[in-house]
Structures are given as C-alpha cells and as structure tokens.
C-alpha atoms as a PDB file:
ATOM      1  CA  MET A   1      32.044  42.766 -12.613  1.00  0.00           C
ATOM      2  CA  THR A   2      34.701  41.072 -14.695  1.00  0.00           C
ATOM      3  CA  LEU A   3      34.915  37.351 -15.381  1.00  0.00           C
ATOM      4  CA  GLU A   4      38.067  37.168 -13.244  1.00  0.00           C
ATOM      5  CA  GLU A   5      36.268  38.825 -10.305  1.00  0.00           C
ATOM      6  CA  THR A   6      33.306  36.489 -10.711  1.00  0.00           C
ATOM      7  CA  ARG A   7      35.590  33.480 -10.858  1.00  0.00           C
ATOM      8  CA  GLY A   8      37.364  34.614  -7.684  1.00  0.00           C
ATOM      9  CA  ILE A   9      34.090  35.087  -5.812  1.00  0.00           C
ATOM     10  CA  ALA A  10      32.877  31.675  -6.980  1.00  0.00           C
ATOM     11  CA  ARG A  11      36.064  30.062  -5.692  1.00  0.00           C
ATOM     12  CA  GLN A  12      35.669  31.794  -2.311  1.00  0.00           C
ATOM     13  CA  ILE A  13      32.062  30.617  -2.027  1.00  0.00           C
ATOM     14  CA  ALA A  14      32.917  27.078  -3.160  1.00  0.00           C
ATOM     15  CA  VAL A  15      35.144  26.453  -0.139  1.00  0.00           C
ATOM     16  CA  LEU A  16      32.703  27.689   2.511  1.00  0.00           C
ATOM     17  CA  PRO A  17      31.884  24.903   4.959  1.00  0.00           C
ATOM     18  CA  GLY A  18      28.358  23.509   4.858  1.00  0.00           C
ATOM     19  CA  LEU A  19      27.499  25.124   1.526  1.00  0.00           C
ATOM     20  CA  LYS A  20      27.005  23.307  -1.748  1.00  0.00           C
ATOM     21  CA  VAL A  21      26.808  25.561  -4.808  1.00  0.00           C
ATOM     22  CA  ARG A  22      24.485  23.998  -7.366  1.00  0.00           C
ATOM     23  CA  GLY A  23      24.175  26.733  -9.966  1.00  0.00           C
ATOM     24  CA  LEU A  24      23.311  30.323 -10.757  1.00  0.00           C
ATOM     25  CA  MET A  25      20.180  32.465 -10.638  1.00  0.00           C
ATOM     26  CA  THR A  26      19.094  35.662 -12.345  1.00  0.00           C
ATOM     27  CA  ILE A  27      16.020  37.817 -12.693  1.00  0.00           C
ATOM     28  CA  ALA A  28      15.762  39.662 -15.982  1.00  0.00           C
ATOM     29  CA  PRO A  29      14.409  43.205 -16.309  1.00  0.00           C
ATOM     30  CA  LEU A  30      10.642  43.490 -16.674  1.00  0.00           C
ATOM     31  CA  VAL A  31       9.844  44.215 -20.323  1.00  0.00           C
ATOM     32  CA  ASP A  32       6.818  43.941 -22.607  1.00  0.00           C
ATOM     33  CA  ASP A  33       8.510  41.532 -25.043  1.00  0.00           C
ATOM     34  CA  PRO A  34      10.252  38.582 -23.349  1.00  0.00           C
ATOM     35  CA  ALA A  35      12.607  38.210 -26.323  1.00  0.00           C
ATOM     36  CA  GLU A  36      14.218  41.504 -25.259  1.00  0.00           C
ATOM     37  CA  VAL A  37      15.760  39.806 -22.212  1.00  0.00           C
ATOM     38  CA  ARG A  38      17.098  36.749 -23.990  1.00  0.00           C
ATOM     39  CA  TYR A  39      20.586  38.243 -23.708  1.00  0.00           C
ATOM     40  CA  VAL A  40      20.328  38.091 -19.888  1.00  0.00           C
ATOM     41  CA  PHE A  41      19.523  34.373 -19.900  1.00  0.00           C
ATOM     42  CA  ARG A  42      22.083  33.584 -22.575  1.00  0.00           C
ATOM     43  CA  GLY A  43      24.732  35.511 -20.642  1.00  0.00           C
ATOM     44  CA  LEU A  44      24.076  33.552 -17.455  1.00  0.00           C
ATOM     45  CA  ARG A  45      24.217  30.249 -19.346  1.00  0.00           C
ATOM     46  CA  GLU A  46      27.539  31.255 -20.896  1.00  0.00           C
ATOM     47  CA  LEU A  47      28.873  32.301 -17.486  1.00  0.00           C
ATOM     48  CA  ARG A  48      27.875  28.931 -16.060  1.00  0.00           C
ATOM     49  CA  GLU A  49      29.683  27.150 -18.892  1.00  0.00           C
ATOM     50  CA  ARG A  50      32.867  29.073 -18.079  1.00  0.00           C
ATOM     51  CA  LEU A  51      32.561  28.450 -14.367  1.00  0.00           C
ATOM     52  CA  GLN A  52      31.982  24.720 -14.927  1.00  0.00           C
ATOM     53  CA  ASN A  53      35.434  24.535 -16.488  1.00  0.00           C
ATOM     54  CA  GLU A  54      37.191  26.901 -14.102  1.00  0.00           C
ATOM     55  CA  VAL A  55      35.591  26.280 -10.687  1.00  0.00           C
ATOM     56  CA  ALA A  56      35.074  22.524 -10.680  1.00  0.00           C
ATOM     57  CA  GLU A  57      34.433  22.436  -6.910  1.00  0.00           C
ATOM     58  CA  CYS A  58      30.794  23.319  -7.649  1.00  0.00           C
ATOM     59  CA  SER A  59      28.302  21.271  -9.644  1.00  0.00           C
ATOM     60  CA  TRP A  60      26.797  24.186 -11.653  1.00  0.00           C
ATOM     61  CA  ASP A  61      23.876  21.907 -12.595  1.00  0.00           C
ATOM     62  CA  GLU A  62      21.116  24.470 -12.097  1.00  0.00           C
ATOM     63  CA  LEU A  63      20.192  27.650 -13.951  1.00  0.00           C
ATOM     64  CA  SER A  64      17.359  29.354 -12.118  1.00  0.00           C
ATOM     65  CA  MET A  65      16.045  31.988 -14.490  1.00  0.00           C
ATOM     66  CA  GLY A  66      12.714  32.989 -15.919  1.00  0.00           C
ATOM     67  CA  MET A  67       9.489  34.087 -14.330  1.00  0.00           C
ATOM     68  CA  THR A  68       5.848  34.021 -15.398  1.00  0.00           C
ATOM     69  CA  ASP A  69       6.297  36.586 -18.177  1.00  0.00           C
ATOM     70  CA  ASP A  70       9.561  35.305 -19.667  1.00  0.00           C
ATOM     71  CA  TYR A  71       9.951  31.660 -18.646  1.00  0.00           C
ATOM     72  CA  SER A  72       9.627  30.300 -22.197  1.00  0.00           C
ATOM     73  CA  VAL A  73      12.631  32.323 -23.386  1.00  0.00           C
ATOM     74  CA  ALA A  74      14.556  31.285 -20.268  1.00  0.00           C
ATOM     75  CA  ILE A  75      13.832  27.614 -20.981  1.00  0.00           C
ATOM     76  CA  GLU A  76      15.025  28.066 -24.561  1.00  0.00           C
ATOM     77  CA  GLU A  77      18.280  29.439 -23.131  1.00  0.00           C
ATOM     78  CA  GLY A  78      18.785  26.522 -20.737  1.00  0.00           C
ATOM     79  CA  ALA A  79      16.824  27.233 -17.552  1.00  0.00           C
ATOM     80  CA  THR A  80      16.464  24.243 -15.247  1.00  0.00           C
ATOM     81  CA  ILE A  81      14.331  26.095 -12.694  1.00  0.00           C
ATOM     82  CA  VAL A  82      11.667  28.721 -13.456  1.00  0.00           C
ATOM     83  CA  ARG A  83       9.574  30.769 -11.052  1.00  0.00           C
ATOM     84  CA  ILE A  84       5.970  30.917 -12.252  1.00  0.00           C
ATOM     85  CA  GLY A  85       4.017  31.593  -9.063  1.00  0.00           C
ATOM     86  CA  ARG A  86       1.789  34.288 -10.559  1.00  0.00           C
ATOM     87  CA  ALA A  87       0.837  31.977 -13.441  1.00  0.00           C
ATOM     88  CA  ILE A  88      -0.286  29.367 -10.912  1.00  0.00           C
ATOM     89  CA  PHE A  89      -1.636  31.449  -8.030  1.00  0.00           C
ATOM     90  CA  GLY A  90      -2.588  34.718  -9.721  1.00  0.00           C
ATOM     91  CA  GLU A  91      -1.638  38.256  -8.817  1.00  0.00           C
ATOM     92  CA  ARG A  92      -0.668  38.976  -5.220  1.00  0.00           C
ATOM     93  CA  VAL A  93      -3.081  40.886  -3.083  1.00  0.00           C
ATOM     94  CA  HIS A  94      -1.117  43.225  -0.867  1.00  0.00           C
ATOM     95  CA  LYS A  95      -2.356  44.183   2.557  1.00  0.00           C
ATOM     96  CA  GLY A  96      -3.967  47.595   2.383  1.00  0.00           C
ATOM     97  CA  ASP A  97      -4.388  47.428  -1.420  1.00  0.00           C
ATOM     98  CA  THR A  98      -7.731  49.009  -2.298  1.00  0.00           C
ATOM     99  CA  THR A  99      -7.518  48.455  -6.059  1.00  0.00           C
ATOM    100  CA  THR A 100      -8.884  44.875  -5.980  1.00  0.00           C
END
C-alpha cells in the first residue's frame, strides 16, 4: 500500500461518526532476534509522523507495537502500548492440548 493510499484510508476513517482514531498498531513477524524486526516498528513510527502532519483530524498519540518477545525494541522505537500477556500470565493452555 502506498503512502497516498494509506493517507486516503486514514482520512476516510477519521470522519466516521462515533470513532476517535488515537494511533496505529502493528504486530511484527515472529523471529529469534528481536532486533530483526526493528524496521517494522521504525516504519510504523515514521508513518505516524507523516499522518500527524497530513491527517490532523486524528490525535495519533498511540503506537501499539511490541509483544513479549520484542517489546524492548518496540519501546526503543517509540511504542506507547505493548502487549506482554505471556510475560505476565505465561503460555496459553489450549483446550485439547495434550503437550502440557
């Protein structure tokens, strides 16, 4: 998707009634070395910076990015929200899973 397409979609979303856009979210690919996905987080931060200037109808305050395995890199790249459920609650036990 091009920047122009993204900008257009953001403008369409910004005018929807009853919706307040507060930022962007991404989930990076699962890799062994979190530094390998830094480009994903940096890219979203840079996109947000562009959208802040070009789609002022939204606040763009939040960057939700980073999970248990890569949250530190995401924070370094500007994350304001991280998802670290597994770090707090442990691995999920799925119904019917016989490996635990």
